[in-house]
Protein backbone atom coordinates (compact mmCIF):
# COMPACT_ATOMS: atom_id res chain seq x y z
CA MET A 1 0.98 0.47 -21.70
CA ALA A 2 3.65 3.13 -20.85
CA GLU A 3 3.54 4.95 -17.41
CA GLU A 4 2.53 8.27 -18.94
CA ASP A 5 -0.32 6.76 -20.84
CA TYR A 6 -2.14 6.03 -17.54
CA THR A 7 -4.94 8.30 -16.52
CA ARG A 8 -5.17 9.28 -12.96
CA LYS A 9 -8.25 6.92 -12.75
CA GLU A 10 -6.49 3.91 -14.33
CA LEU A 11 -3.47 4.56 -11.84
CA PHE A 12 -5.74 4.36 -8.78
CA GLU A 13 -7.52 1.39 -10.16
CA THR A 14 -4.08 -0.28 -10.66
CA ILE A 15 -3.02 0.62 -7.10
CA GLU A 16 -6.32 -0.70 -5.70
CA ASN A 17 -5.59 -3.96 -7.36
CA LEU A 18 -2.20 -4.18 -6.07
CA CYS A 19 -3.36 -3.66 -2.62
CA ARG A 20 -6.10 -6.11 -2.94
CA SER A 21 -3.56 -8.66 -4.04
CA LYS A 22 -1.45 -7.88 -1.23
CA VAL A 23 -4.44 -8.17 1.22
CA GLU A 24 -5.25 -11.63 -0.29
CA GLU A 25 -1.53 -12.59 0.26
CA PHE A 26 -1.69 -11.39 3.90
CA ARG A 27 -4.97 -13.32 4.59
CA MET A 28 -3.58 -16.43 3.17
CA ILE A 29 -1.07 -16.45 5.85
CA GLY A 30 -3.35 -15.77 8.74
CA TYR A 31 -3.80 -11.99 8.84
CA GLU A 32 -7.63 -11.85 8.34
CA HIS A 33 -8.43 -8.28 9.11
CA VAL A 34 -6.07 -6.37 6.70
CA THR A 35 -7.65 -3.89 4.34
CA GLU A 36 -6.61 -2.29 1.17
CA GLU A 37 -6.68 1.08 2.84
CA GLU A 38 -4.22 -0.01 5.34
CA ILE A 39 -1.99 -1.34 2.77
CA TRP A 40 -1.98 1.76 0.79
CA SER A 41 -1.73 4.08 3.87
CA CYS A 42 1.45 2.12 4.88
CA VAL A 43 3.08 2.17 1.51
CA SER A 44 2.27 5.70 0.67
CA GLN A 45 3.49 7.28 3.95
CA LYS A 46 6.95 7.40 2.45
CA TYR A 47 5.76 9.43 -0.59
CA GLU A 48 4.75 12.39 1.43
CA LYS A 49 8.02 13.99 1.33
CA ASN A 50 9.06 13.38 -2.38
CA GLY A 51 5.70 12.79 -3.97
CA PHE A 52 4.49 9.91 -6.23
CA PRO A 53 7.35 7.66 -7.38
CA PRO A 54 7.60 6.11 -10.81
CA LEU A 55 5.07 3.31 -11.46
CA HIS A 56 7.50 0.41 -11.38
CA GLN A 57 8.70 1.59 -7.94
CA LEU A 58 5.18 2.03 -6.67
CA VAL A 59 4.39 -1.55 -7.81
CA ASN A 60 7.54 -2.94 -6.23
CA ASP A 61 6.77 -1.03 -3.00
CA ILE A 62 3.19 -2.61 -2.63
CA LEU A 63 4.08 -6.11 -3.69
CA SER A 64 7.27 -6.44 -1.88
CA LEU A 65 5.65 -5.26 1.56
CA LYS A 66 6.45 -7.54 4.34
CA ILE A 67 4.11 -8.62 7.10
CA THR A 68 6.70 -7.28 9.65
CA HIS A 69 6.89 -3.95 8.03
CA PHE A 70 3.15 -3.63 7.91
CA MET A 71 2.56 -4.62 11.53
CA ASN A 72 5.19 -2.19 12.71
CA TYR A 73 3.31 0.55 10.76
CA LEU A 74 -0.12 -0.53 12.37
CA THR A 75 1.57 -0.54 15.78
CA ILE A 76 3.18 2.83 15.64
CA SER A 77 0.03 4.24 14.04
CA ALA A 78 -2.00 2.87 16.97
CA PHE A 79 0.41 4.62 19.41
CA ARG A 80 0.24 7.72 17.59
CA GLY A 81 -3.55 7.61 17.42
CA SER A 82 -3.37 8.33 13.78
CA HIS A 83 -4.26 5.08 12.30
CA LEU A 84 -6.37 5.73 9.11
CA ASP A 85 -7.77 8.93 10.59
């Protein structure tokens, strides 16, 4: 399926599934309290300036997210008081 063939609903279902996969990966290595919303919030923060990237970049950004980057994001968000407001 080409990227332009995705409806908005299908795109967000795909994003949800990718985030779920990343949550499962993090849980396998001992991070039990990670949520899909936190994963998406972490990844999508860099899209605020330039908008949504191409689908292949979005998939790569989610699946290549490292736990160190994610934990840094959570720590900074906690200090700012903006964690998933």
